[in-house]
């Protein structure tokens, strides 16, 4: 019988007669060896944990004993890391689990925060306060048809959008928009319209919405539809409202219907003149108490703008700085930075408050927090 070099375990060959004593001795040796290794590991693990805690305690003591300049330098470095971490989170579409930090894009229809007073514009949250009220007819009169929508059955590439040009006299929200659809040779009664709002002054699409529409069961007719979707517009800018479809299971045209008969072409729009405030609230688990933190807000002010303030666990904070940058979507935005400058509890609460000046608008694209 042969044996291993280091632990003297049996190495049988084909001619060996395996005896019970040999086998049991091998298993006992293995048991003893594993038991000894486990005990040694536990001892060293306990020693390592104690050493880590000792080093952490020494670091805390050194920090407390450090001169104010060193403490300020360390805090500045940590807050810089927190700032960079917020921007890394802003670039992640699906964020991993985080403790003490987040970044929330405010486009689409965000549901993870308590939001009050804002309108969902498409690319952002929006609040506005015009200085004059306009009638529905005054708003409607600014809409001009540029081209009709065409749909070619079996050839979606040949479809063309309906385009209207619109220059609102002040900030408005169109809630019901008349649309006429003439069609034939349908193979499916449901279609999807794509509604896009393009700001010709800024060169940006501010909203893109997919809107399902029922054509009905019969071909060869004209349908008068009311598109019930909120469309938000800043005052004084010129917009293109583009309505298109990628469907090709029917042939037809689509038009803006300017008729004033509310029975077939209902048009509803609101002038936004009220002194309305907007709030966004969020509670963030930090795991344990932290020493400081920052909050970043990406926004734009239009016209006379307004004010943004932050309530952090009951304390009202003003921004420490603002800067200009390009966000992850390629938009030029302003960034407002708030700092806590105090300890943060294991669970912390934020409330961002917005209020427009008369003649002002506030657009919120995103916000985030990181604790250190």
Protein backbone atom coordinates (compact mmCIF):
# COMPACT_ATOMS: atom_id res chain seq x y z
CA UNK A 1 0.00 0.00 0.00
CA UNK A 2 1.20 3.46 -0.89
CA UNK A 3 0.53 6.70 1.05
CA UNK A 4 0.23 10.37 0.19
CA UNK A 5 3.31 12.47 0.86
CA UNK A 6 1.93 15.15 3.17
CA UNK A 7 -0.89 13.53 5.18
CA UNK A 8 -0.11 9.81 4.91
CA UNK A 9 -3.50 8.88 3.44
CA UNK A 10 -3.80 5.41 1.90
CA UNK A 11 -3.22 5.08 -1.81
CA UNK A 12 -4.43 1.63 -2.78
CA UNK A 13 -3.37 -0.20 -5.89
CA UNK A 14 -5.36 -2.84 -7.71
CA UNK A 15 -3.72 -5.79 -5.92
CA UNK A 16 -4.31 -4.43 -2.39
CA UNK A 17 -6.79 -6.01 -0.05
CA UNK A 18 -8.62 -3.11 1.62
CA UNK A 19 -8.96 -3.73 5.34
CA UNK A 20 -11.45 -2.12 7.69
CA UNK A 21 -8.69 -0.75 9.93
CA UNK A 22 -7.03 1.00 7.00
CA UNK A 23 -10.26 2.60 5.86
CA UNK A 24 -11.38 3.74 9.33
CA UNK A 25 -7.94 5.14 10.12
CA UNK A 26 -8.05 7.21 6.92
CA UNK A 27 -11.49 8.64 7.74
CA UNK A 28 -10.41 9.43 11.30
CA UNK A 29 -7.34 11.26 10.01
CA UNK A 30 -9.53 13.31 7.66
CA UNK A 31 -11.97 14.16 10.48
CA UNK A 32 -9.17 15.25 12.79
CA UNK A 33 -7.51 17.31 10.13
CA UNK A 34 -10.69 19.13 9.11
CA UNK A 35 -11.63 19.76 12.74
CA UNK A 36 -8.22 21.24 13.43
CA UNK A 37 -8.41 23.48 10.37
CA UNK A 38 -11.85 24.78 11.39
CA UNK A 39 -10.68 25.60 14.91
CA UNK A 40 -7.61 27.37 13.56
CA UNK A 41 -9.73 29.35 11.07
CA UNK A 42 -12.15 30.47 13.77
CA UNK A 43 -9.31 31.63 15.96
CA UNK A 44 -7.67 33.59 13.16
CA UNK A 45 -11.04 35.01 12.03
CA UNK A 46 -11.69 36.23 15.56
CA UNK A 47 -8.22 37.74 15.71
CA UNK A 48 -8.76 39.45 12.32
CA UNK A 49 -12.16 40.86 13.33
CA UNK A 50 -10.67 42.21 16.52
CA UNK A 51 -7.81 43.78 14.58
CA UNK A 52 -10.22 45.42 12.09
CA UNK A 53 -12.26 46.89 14.94
CA UNK A 54 -9.03 48.05 16.59
CA UNK A 55 -7.87 49.79 13.39
CA UNK A 56 -11.33 51.36 12.91
CA UNK A 57 -11.24 52.63 16.49
CA UNK A 58 -7.75 54.03 15.99
CA UNK A 59 -8.91 55.77 12.78
CA UNK A 60 -11.90 57.30 14.58
CA UNK A 61 -9.66 58.45 17.42
CA UNK A 62 -7.16 59.95 14.97
CA UNK A 63 -9.96 61.73 13.11
CA UNK A 64 -11.35 63.17 16.32
CA UNK A 65 -7.89 64.24 17.40
CA UNK A 66 -6.96 65.66 14.02
CA UNK A 67 -6.71 69.38 13.55
CA UNK A 68 -9.72 71.17 11.95
CA UNK A 69 -7.92 71.58 8.63
CA UNK A 70 -7.36 67.82 8.33
CA UNK A 71 -10.96 67.07 9.27
CA UNK A 72 -12.23 69.59 6.72
CA UNK A 73 -9.97 68.11 4.03
CA UNK A 74 -11.24 64.59 4.75
CA UNK A 75 -14.88 65.70 4.66
CA UNK A 76 -14.32 67.55 1.38
CA UNK A 77 -12.87 64.41 -0.17
CA UNK A 78 -15.76 62.25 1.05
CA UNK A 79 -18.35 64.72 -0.27
CA UNK A 80 -16.56 64.78 -3.62
CA UNK A 81 -16.87 60.99 -3.76
CA UNK A 82 -20.57 61.32 -2.84
CA UNK A 83 -21.07 63.85 -5.66
CA UNK A 84 -19.44 61.55 -8.21
CA UNK A 85 -21.48 58.59 -6.95
CA UNK A 86 -24.72 60.52 -7.55
CA UNK A 87 -23.71 61.11 -11.17
CA UNK A 88 -22.79 57.44 -11.63
CA UNK A 89 -26.27 56.50 -10.39
CA UNK A 90 -27.82 59.04 -12.78
CA UNK A 91 -26.25 57.15 -15.68
CA UNK A 92 -27.65 53.76 -14.60
CA UNK A 93 -31.06 52.96 -16.04
CA UNK A 94 -31.78 50.21 -13.51
CA UNK A 95 -30.09 51.05 -10.23
CA UNK A 96 -28.71 48.31 -7.97
CA UNK A 97 -29.72 48.22 -4.28
CA UNK A 98 -28.12 51.17 -2.51
CA UNK A 99 -27.85 52.26 1.11
CA UNK A 100 -27.88 55.98 1.83
CA UNK A 101 -28.01 57.14 -1.79
CA UNK A 102 -30.23 57.32 -4.89
CA UNK A 103 -30.71 59.22 -8.13
CA UNK A 104 -34.17 59.51 -9.68
CA UNK A 105 -34.81 60.62 -13.25
CA UNK A 106 -38.09 62.55 -13.37
CA UNK A 107 -39.10 61.83 -16.96
CA UNK A 108 -42.06 59.69 -17.88
CA UNK A 109 -44.43 58.99 -15.00
CA UNK A 110 -42.30 58.48 -11.87
CA UNK A 111 -44.08 56.56 -9.12
CA UNK A 112 -41.39 55.95 -6.49
CA UNK A 113 -41.78 59.34 -4.83
CA UNK A 114 -44.67 61.34 -3.43
CA UNK A 115 -45.22 64.06 -6.06
CA UNK A 116 -47.69 66.92 -5.68
CA UNK A 117 -48.42 70.04 -7.72
CA UNK A 118 -46.27 69.13 -10.75
CA UNK A 119 -47.42 68.21 -14.24
CA UNK A 120 -45.68 65.33 -16.03
CA UNK A 121 -44.32 66.98 -19.18
CA UNK A 122 -42.73 63.89 -20.67
CA UNK A 123 -39.03 64.61 -20.25
CA UNK A 124 -39.43 66.16 -16.80
CA UNK A 125 -41.75 67.41 -14.10
CA UNK A 126 -43.02 70.93 -14.76
CA UNK A 127 -44.68 73.75 -12.88
CA UNK A 128 -45.62 77.16 -14.31
CA UNK A 129 -47.31 80.41 -13.33
CA UNK A 130 -48.42 82.66 -16.16
CA UNK A 131 -49.22 86.34 -15.74
CA UNK A 132 -52.38 86.36 -17.89
CA UNK A 133 -55.30 84.03 -18.47
CA UNK A 134 -56.33 83.07 -22.00
CA UNK A 135 -59.58 81.70 -23.30
CA UNK A 136 -59.80 78.37 -25.04
CA UNK A 137 -60.38 80.17 -28.33
CA UNK A 138 -57.29 82.35 -27.89
CA UNK A 139 -55.20 79.22 -27.33
CA UNK A 140 -56.82 77.30 -30.18
CA UNK A 141 -56.24 80.17 -32.62
CA UNK A 142 -52.46 79.71 -32.33
CA UNK A 143 -52.59 76.15 -33.74
CA UNK A 144 -51.82 75.96 -37.48
CA UNK A 145 -51.93 72.77 -39.57
CA UNK A 146 -48.70 72.18 -41.52
CA UNK A 147 -49.27 68.70 -42.99
CA UNK A 148 -51.62 65.74 -42.58
CA UNK A 149 -50.72 62.24 -41.47
CA UNK A 150 -50.74 59.54 -44.16
CA UNK A 151 -50.77 55.78 -43.61
CA UNK A 152 -49.91 53.36 -46.42
CA UNK A 153 -51.10 49.79 -45.96
CA UNK A 154 -48.27 47.29 -46.10
CA UNK A 155 -45.58 49.98 -46.29
CA UNK A 156 -44.92 51.67 -42.94
CA UNK A 157 -41.81 53.38 -44.34
CA UNK A 158 -44.07 55.47 -46.60
CA UNK A 159 -46.14 56.84 -43.69
CA UNK A 160 -45.84 60.57 -42.97
CA UNK A 161 -46.71 62.45 -39.76
CA UNK A 162 -49.35 65.06 -39.16
CA UNK A 163 -47.65 68.30 -38.08
CA UNK A 164 -49.21 71.37 -36.51
CA UNK A 165 -47.30 74.43 -35.34
CA UNK A 166 -48.27 76.03 -32.05
CA UNK A 167 -47.00 79.14 -30.24
CA UNK A 168 -48.84 79.38 -26.90
CA UNK A 169 -49.26 82.92 -25.56
CA UNK A 170 -48.38 81.71 -22.06
CA UNK A 171 -47.80 78.41 -20.26
CA UNK A 172 -50.72 76.12 -21.06
CA UNK A 173 -51.76 72.50 -20.80
CA UNK A 174 -53.90 71.05 -23.61
CA UNK A 175 -55.98 68.22 -22.15
CA UNK A 176 -58.24 67.30 -25.09
CA UNK A 177 -57.13 67.55 -28.72
CA UNK A 178 -59.38 66.89 -31.76
CA UNK A 179 -58.14 64.43 -34.37
CA UNK A 180 -59.84 63.30 -37.57
CA UNK A 181 -58.93 59.93 -39.05
CA UNK A 182 -60.16 58.84 -42.50
CA UNK A 183 -59.31 55.22 -43.27
CA UNK A 184 -60.19 52.14 -45.31
CA UNK A 185 -59.12 48.56 -45.89
CA UNK A 186 -58.37 47.91 -42.21
CA UNK A 187 -57.21 44.50 -41.01
CA UNK A 188 -57.13 45.45 -37.31
CA UNK A 189 -59.30 48.00 -35.55
CA UNK A 190 -56.64 49.05 -32.99
CA UNK A 191 -53.77 51.36 -33.89
CA UNK A 192 -51.17 53.32 -31.94
CA UNK A 193 -50.47 56.99 -32.48
CA UNK A 194 -47.12 58.47 -31.51
CA UNK A 195 -47.50 62.05 -30.21
CA UNK A 196 -44.31 64.14 -30.00
CA UNK A 197 -43.82 67.74 -28.87
CA UNK A 198 -40.80 69.39 -30.48
CA UNK A 199 -39.62 72.79 -29.19
CA UNK A 200 -38.31 74.64 -32.24
CA UNK A 201 -36.54 77.23 -30.06
CA UNK A 202 -34.47 74.75 -28.03
CA UNK A 203 -34.26 71.99 -30.65
CA UNK A 204 -35.48 69.37 -28.15
CA UNK A 205 -38.33 66.90 -27.96
CA UNK A 206 -40.03 67.65 -24.65
CA UNK A 207 -42.51 64.77 -24.73
CA UNK A 208 -43.15 61.57 -26.68
CA UNK A 209 -46.30 59.58 -25.94
CA UNK A 210 -47.78 56.42 -27.44
CA UNK A 211 -51.57 56.70 -27.61
CA UNK A 212 -53.82 53.69 -28.43
CA UNK A 213 -56.73 54.47 -30.73
CA UNK A 214 -59.72 52.33 -31.70
CA UNK A 215 -60.56 52.75 -35.41
CA UNK A 216 -63.83 50.90 -35.02
CA UNK A 217 -65.09 47.80 -36.81
CA UNK A 218 -65.84 49.32 -40.22
CA UNK A 219 -63.66 50.50 -43.09
CA UNK A 220 -64.24 53.36 -45.49
CA UNK A 221 -65.30 56.01 -43.00
CA UNK A 222 -64.10 59.13 -41.19
CA UNK A 223 -63.76 58.98 -37.41
CA UNK A 224 -63.72 62.05 -35.17
CA UNK A 225 -61.58 61.33 -32.12
CA UNK A 226 -60.66 63.30 -29.02
CA UNK A 227 -57.10 62.60 -27.88
CA UNK A 228 -57.26 62.85 -24.10
CA UNK A 229 -53.67 63.24 -22.97
CA UNK A 230 -52.11 66.21 -21.15
CA UNK A 231 -49.73 68.17 -23.41
CA UNK A 232 -47.68 70.85 -21.58
CA UNK A 233 -46.23 73.92 -23.32
CA UNK A 234 -43.99 76.74 -22.14
CA UNK A 235 -45.18 80.22 -23.01
CA UNK A 236 -43.62 82.08 -25.92
CA UNK A 237 -41.90 79.07 -27.54
CA UNK A 238 -42.89 77.66 -30.92
CA UNK A 239 -43.72 73.97 -30.95
CA UNK A 240 -44.40 71.30 -33.52
CA UNK A 241 -47.02 68.78 -32.49
CA UNK A 242 -46.21 65.66 -34.52
CA UNK A 243 -48.67 62.76 -34.69
CA UNK A 244 -47.55 59.64 -36.53
CA UNK A 245 -47.93 55.87 -36.59
CA UNK A 246 -45.70 52.95 -37.52
CA UNK A 247 -48.76 50.78 -38.21
CA UNK A 248 -49.49 49.70 -41.77
CA UNK A 249 -52.59 47.51 -41.43
CA UNK A 250 -54.83 50.13 -43.04
CA UNK A 251 -54.70 53.04 -45.47
CA UNK A 252 -55.78 56.50 -44.43
CA UNK A 253 -55.07 60.05 -43.38
CA UNK A 254 -55.09 61.94 -40.09
CA UNK A 255 -55.80 65.61 -39.52
CA UNK A 256 -56.15 68.24 -36.85
CA UNK A 257 -59.82 69.19 -36.86
CA UNK A 258 -60.17 72.95 -36.29
CA UNK A 259 -63.97 72.94 -36.20
CA UNK A 260 -65.49 74.69 -33.22
CA UNK A 261 -68.31 72.21 -32.84
CA UNK A 262 -67.60 70.65 -29.40
CA UNK A 263 -69.77 67.65 -30.23
CA UNK A 264 -67.24 66.36 -32.78
CA UNK A 265 -64.02 68.27 -32.05
CA UNK A 266 -63.66 69.01 -28.37
CA UNK A 267 -60.66 71.17 -27.50
CA UNK A 268 -59.78 71.78 -23.84
CA UNK A 269 -56.82 73.80 -22.60
CA UNK A 270 -55.91 75.51 -19.33
CA UNK A 271 -53.96 78.69 -18.72
CA UNK A 272 -51.64 78.07 -15.79
CA UNK A 273 -51.82 81.23 -13.68
CA UNK A 274 -52.44 79.95 -10.13
CA UNK A 275 -49.86 80.38 -7.36
CA UNK A 276 -49.18 76.64 -7.18
CA UNK A 277 -46.32 74.98 -5.37
CA UNK A 278 -44.82 71.60 -6.19
CA UNK A 279 -43.26 69.08 -3.82
CA UNK A 280 -41.36 65.81 -4.19
CA UNK A 281 -40.80 63.67 -1.09
CA UNK A 282 -38.66 60.62 -0.47
CA UNK A 283 -37.48 58.56 2.52
CA UNK A 284 -34.05 56.91 2.25
CA UNK A 285 -32.70 54.08 4.45
CA UNK A 286 -29.03 54.63 5.27
CA UNK A 287 -28.39 51.43 7.23
CA UNK A 288 -26.74 53.34 10.06
CA UNK A 289 -26.20 56.95 11.08
CA UNK A 290 -23.96 58.97 8.75
CA UNK A 291 -21.85 62.08 9.28
CA UNK A 292 -22.86 64.26 6.31
CA UNK A 293 -24.40 64.20 2.84
CA UNK A 294 -25.35 66.05 -0.32
CA UNK A 295 -28.47 66.40 -2.49
CA UNK A 296 -28.25 67.30 -6.20
CA UNK A 297 -31.14 68.73 -8.25
CA UNK A 298 -31.09 69.04 -12.07
CA UNK A 299 -33.47 71.71 -13.36
CA UNK A 300 -34.14 74.66 -15.64
CA UNK A 301 -35.72 78.02 -14.90
CA UNK A 302 -37.77 79.65 -17.67
CA UNK A 303 -38.94 83.27 -17.75
CA UNK A 304 -38.76 84.75 -14.27
CA UNK A 305 -38.15 81.28 -12.84
CA UNK A 306 -38.84 80.63 -9.19
CA UNK A 307 -37.31 79.12 -6.06
CA UNK A 308 -36.18 75.65 -5.03
CA UNK A 309 -35.59 74.72 -1.40
CA UNK A 310 -34.92 71.50 0.44
CA UNK A 311 -36.38 70.26 3.72
CA UNK A 312 -34.05 67.60 5.13
CA UNK A 313 -35.40 65.94 8.27
CA UNK A 314 -37.22 69.15 9.19
CA UNK A 315 -34.30 71.51 8.51
CA UNK A 316 -34.80 73.92 5.59
CA UNK A 317 -31.59 74.15 3.54
CA UNK A 318 -30.51 76.60 0.86
CA UNK A 319 -28.13 75.55 -1.93
CA UNK A 320 -24.40 75.90 -1.40
CA UNK A 321 -23.73 76.27 -5.13
CA UNK A 322 -25.22 75.99 -8.61
CA UNK A 323 -23.46 75.02 -11.81
CA UNK A 324 -24.25 74.38 -15.49
CA UNK A 325 -23.77 70.94 -17.04
CA UNK A 326 -25.07 68.52 -19.67
CA UNK A 327 -27.12 65.69 -18.20
CA UNK A 328 -27.17 62.05 -19.26
CA UNK A 329 -29.88 62.80 -21.88
CA UNK A 330 -27.74 65.50 -23.51
CA UNK A 331 -29.77 68.43 -22.15
CA UNK A 332 -28.09 71.57 -20.86
CA UNK A 333 -29.36 71.91 -17.28
CA UNK A 334 -28.54 73.72 -14.07
CA UNK A 335 -27.43 71.72 -11.05
CA UNK A 336 -28.21 72.83 -7.51
CA UNK A 337 -26.19 71.31 -4.66
CA UNK A 338 -27.36 71.14 -1.04
CA UNK A 339 -25.19 69.97 1.88
CA UNK A 340 -26.37 68.61 5.19
CA UNK A 341 -23.39 69.73 7.32
CA UNK A 342 -24.75 67.61 10.19
CA UNK A 343 -25.23 63.98 11.11
CA UNK A 344 -27.84 61.93 9.23
CA UNK A 345 -30.01 59.34 11.01
CA UNK A 346 -30.29 55.73 9.87
CA UNK A 347 -33.52 56.64 8.02
CA UNK A 348 -33.66 60.13 6.53
CA UNK A 349 -36.42 62.11 4.78
CA UNK A 350 -36.21 64.67 1.97
CA UNK A 351 -38.77 67.09 0.58
CA UNK A 352 -37.92 69.25 -2.43
CA UNK A 353 -40.13 72.35 -2.70
CA UNK A 354 -40.67 74.44 -5.84
CA UNK A 355 -42.54 77.70 -6.28
CA UNK A 356 -42.80 79.78 -9.44
CA UNK A 357 -42.55 83.54 -9.64
CA UNK A 358 -45.29 85.26 -11.70
CA UNK A 359 -44.28 84.71 -15.31
CA UNK A 360 -41.93 81.87 -14.37
CA UNK A 361 -41.59 78.13 -14.97
CA UNK A 362 -39.52 75.41 -13.28
CA UNK A 363 -38.55 72.17 -15.03
CA UNK A 364 -37.17 69.32 -12.89
CA UNK A 365 -35.20 66.61 -14.68
CA UNK A 366 -33.82 64.60 -11.76
CA UNK A 367 -32.56 64.61 -8.18
CA UNK A 368 -30.40 62.44 -5.98
CA UNK A 369 -28.73 62.07 -2.59
CA UNK A 370 -25.58 60.47 -1.19
CA UNK A 371 -24.65 60.21 2.49
CA UNK A 372 -21.10 59.80 3.80
